[in-house]
Amino acid sequence: MSNQPPTNEAQGPGGRRFFTRPRECTFCTDKNAVIDYKLVEVLRRFVTDEGKIRPRRQTGTCSRHQRELARAIKRARHAALLPYSGEVLR
């Protein structure tokens, strides 16, 4: 082993390294934010265009609020407030 810095191959394509900023849960920081299945505008931020629930690593929510979000999204889908899929296939 040598004490040379790693080459570009070790750093990935283009020589850039990933840098992720620490994300804070929006529901923990804002105590007035409520997770409810009837608030479709809030829930749409946590659903992709295909209709999938976005994971915690993308949204930055904590595990407790991610579980509440998933439950609210599923309830909104069941009440036909949110679609199960992104676009209608005909």
C-alpha atoms as a PDB file:
ATOM      1  CA  MET A   1       0.000   0.000   0.000  1.00  0.00           C
ATOM      2  CA  SER A   2       1.199   3.441  -0.848  1.00  0.00           C
ATOM      3  CA  ASN A   3       0.268   6.757   0.687  1.00  0.00           C
ATOM      4  CA  GLN A   4      -0.944   8.223  -2.591  1.00  0.00           C
ATOM      5  CA  PRO A   5      -4.412   9.760  -2.869  1.00  0.00           C
ATOM      6  CA  PRO A   6      -7.007   7.601  -4.606  1.00  0.00           C
ATOM      7  CA  THR A   7      -7.323   7.876  -8.357  1.00  0.00           C
ATOM      8  CA  ASN A   8     -10.436   8.922 -10.258  1.00  0.00           C
ATOM      9  CA  GLU A   9     -11.461   5.291 -10.763  1.00  0.00           C
ATOM     10  CA  ALA A  10     -11.791   4.832  -7.007  1.00  0.00           C
ATOM     11  CA  GLN A  11     -13.930   7.964  -6.681  1.00  0.00           C
ATOM     12  CA  GLY A  12     -16.506   6.970  -9.246  1.00  0.00           C
ATOM     13  CA  PRO A  13     -17.417   8.396 -12.652  1.00  0.00           C
ATOM     14  CA  GLY A  14     -16.043  11.846 -13.280  1.00  0.00           C
ATOM     15  CA  GLY A  15     -14.000  11.867 -10.088  1.00  0.00           C
ATOM     16  CA  ARG A  16     -16.876  13.304  -8.073  1.00  0.00           C
ATOM     17  CA  ARG A  17     -17.757  12.028  -4.647  1.00  0.00           C
ATOM     18  CA  PHE A  18     -21.235  11.824  -3.246  1.00  0.00           C
ATOM     19  CA  PHE A  19     -22.029  14.409  -0.613  1.00  0.00           C
ATOM     20  CA  THR A  20     -25.370  14.158   1.098  1.00  0.00           C
ATOM     21  CA  ARG A  21     -26.513  16.792   3.496  1.00  0.00           C
ATOM     22  CA  PRO A  22     -28.207  15.620   6.675  1.00  0.00           C
ATOM     23  CA  ARG A  23     -31.951  15.909   6.238  1.00  0.00           C
ATOM     24  CA  GLU A  24     -34.354  16.815   8.957  1.00  0.00           C
ATOM     25  CA  CYS A  25     -37.839  15.456   9.292  1.00  0.00           C
ATOM     26  CA  THR A  26     -40.276  18.203   8.310  1.00  0.00           C
ATOM     27  CA  PHE A  27     -42.888  16.855  10.702  1.00  0.00           C
ATOM     28  CA  CYS A  28     -40.484  16.795  13.652  1.00  0.00           C
ATOM     29  CA  THR A  29     -39.218  20.323  13.037  1.00  0.00           C
ATOM     30  CA  ASP A  30     -42.656  21.834  12.338  1.00  0.00           C
ATOM     31  CA  LYS A  31     -44.945  20.766  15.171  1.00  0.00           C
ATOM     32  CA  ASN A  32     -47.998  22.258  13.387  1.00  0.00           C
ATOM     33  CA  ALA A  33     -47.618  19.948  10.365  1.00  0.00           C
ATOM     34  CA  VAL A  34     -50.226  17.198  10.476  1.00  0.00           C
ATOM     35  CA  ILE A  35     -50.308  13.912   8.574  1.00  0.00           C
ATOM     36  CA  ASP A  36     -53.888  13.252   7.499  1.00  0.00           C
ATOM     37  CA  TYR A  37     -55.232  11.217   4.597  1.00  0.00           C
ATOM     38  CA  LYS A  38     -57.557  14.086   3.611  1.00  0.00           C
ATOM     39  CA  LEU A  39     -54.644  16.510   3.021  1.00  0.00           C
ATOM     40  CA  VAL A  40     -53.896  15.385  -0.531  1.00  0.00           C
ATOM     41  CA  GLU A  41     -51.569  18.326  -1.305  1.00  0.00           C
ATOM     42  CA  VAL A  42     -49.254  17.302   1.549  1.00  0.00           C
ATOM     43  CA  LEU A  43     -49.312  13.629   0.594  1.00  0.00           C
ATOM     44  CA  ARG A  44     -48.536  14.259  -3.098  1.00  0.00           C
ATOM     45  CA  ARG A  45     -45.059  15.493  -2.163  1.00  0.00           C
ATOM     46  CA  PHE A  46     -44.266  12.029  -0.813  1.00  0.00           C
ATOM     47  CA  VAL A  47     -45.538  10.079  -3.843  1.00  0.00           C
ATOM     48  CA  THR A  48     -43.631   9.713  -7.134  1.00  0.00           C
ATOM     49  CA  ASP A  49     -45.109  10.326 -10.579  1.00  0.00           C
ATOM     50  CA  GLU A  50     -45.629   6.593 -10.939  1.00  0.00           C
ATOM     51  CA  GLY A  51     -47.681   6.558  -7.732  1.00  0.00           C
ATOM     52  CA  LYS A  52     -45.061   4.917  -5.507  1.00  0.00           C
ATOM     53  CA  ILE A  53     -44.377   6.056  -1.966  1.00  0.00           C
ATOM     54  CA  ARG A  54     -40.996   7.801  -1.836  1.00  0.00           C
ATOM     55  CA  PRO A  55     -38.484   6.242   0.587  1.00  0.00           C
ATOM     56  CA  ARG A  56     -37.096   7.892   3.699  1.00  0.00           C
ATOM     57  CA  ARG A  57     -33.692   8.505   2.162  1.00  0.00           C
ATOM     58  CA  GLN A  58     -35.314  10.730  -0.474  1.00  0.00           C
ATOM     59  CA  THR A  59     -37.808  12.583   1.685  1.00  0.00           C
ATOM     60  CA  GLY A  60     -35.759  12.890   4.875  1.00  0.00           C
ATOM     61  CA  THR A  61     -38.585  11.903   7.191  1.00  0.00           C
ATOM     62  CA  CYS A  62     -37.944   9.954  10.356  1.00  0.00           C
ATOM     63  CA  SER A  63     -39.102   6.365  10.667  1.00  0.00           C
ATOM     64  CA  ARG A  64     -42.090   7.204  12.845  1.00  0.00           C
ATOM     65  CA  HIS A  65     -43.463   9.815  10.450  1.00  0.00           C
ATOM     66  CA  GLN A  66     -42.647   7.659   7.415  1.00  0.00           C
ATOM     67  CA  ARG A  67     -44.909   4.947   8.816  1.00  0.00           C
ATOM     68  CA  GLU A  68     -47.664   7.499   9.430  1.00  0.00           C
ATOM     69  CA  LEU A  69     -47.208   8.857   5.891  1.00  0.00           C
ATOM     70  CA  ALA A  70     -47.461   5.401   4.352  1.00  0.00           C
ATOM     71  CA  ARG A  71     -50.628   4.687   6.321  1.00  0.00           C
ATOM     72  CA  ALA A  72     -52.180   8.023   5.291  1.00  0.00           C
ATOM     73  CA  ILE A  73     -51.259   7.504   1.617  1.00  0.00           C
ATOM     74  CA  LYS A  74     -52.810   4.039   1.627  1.00  0.00           C
ATOM     75  CA  ARG A  75     -55.980   5.388   3.242  1.00  0.00           C
ATOM     76  CA  ALA A  76     -56.166   8.199   0.675  1.00  0.00           C
ATOM     77  CA  ARG A  77     -55.788   5.651  -2.120  1.00  0.00           C
ATOM     78  CA  HIS A  78     -58.568   3.544  -0.657  1.00  0.00           C
ATOM     79  CA  ALA A  79     -60.841   6.600  -0.440  1.00  0.00           C
ATOM     80  CA  ALA A  80     -59.954   7.442  -4.082  1.00  0.00           C
ATOM     81  CA  LEU A  81     -58.267  10.712  -3.135  1.00  0.00           C
ATOM     82  CA  LEU A  82     -54.921   9.531  -4.542  1.00  0.00           C
ATOM     83  CA  PRO A  83     -54.428   7.210  -7.515  1.00  0.00           C
ATOM     84  CA  TYR A  84     -52.832   3.787  -7.085  1.00  0.00           C
ATOM     85  CA  SER A  85     -50.788   4.342 -10.256  1.00  0.00           C
ATOM     86  CA  GLY A  86     -49.392   7.437 -11.905  1.00  0.00           C
ATOM     87  CA  GLU A  87     -51.069   7.495 -15.278  1.00  0.00           C
ATOM     88  CA  VAL A  88     -54.101   5.800 -16.706  1.00  0.00           C
ATOM     89  CA  LEU A  89     -53.248   3.001 -19.147  1.00  0.00           C
ATOM     90  CA  ARG A  90     -55.806   2.390 -21.886  1.00  0.00           C
END
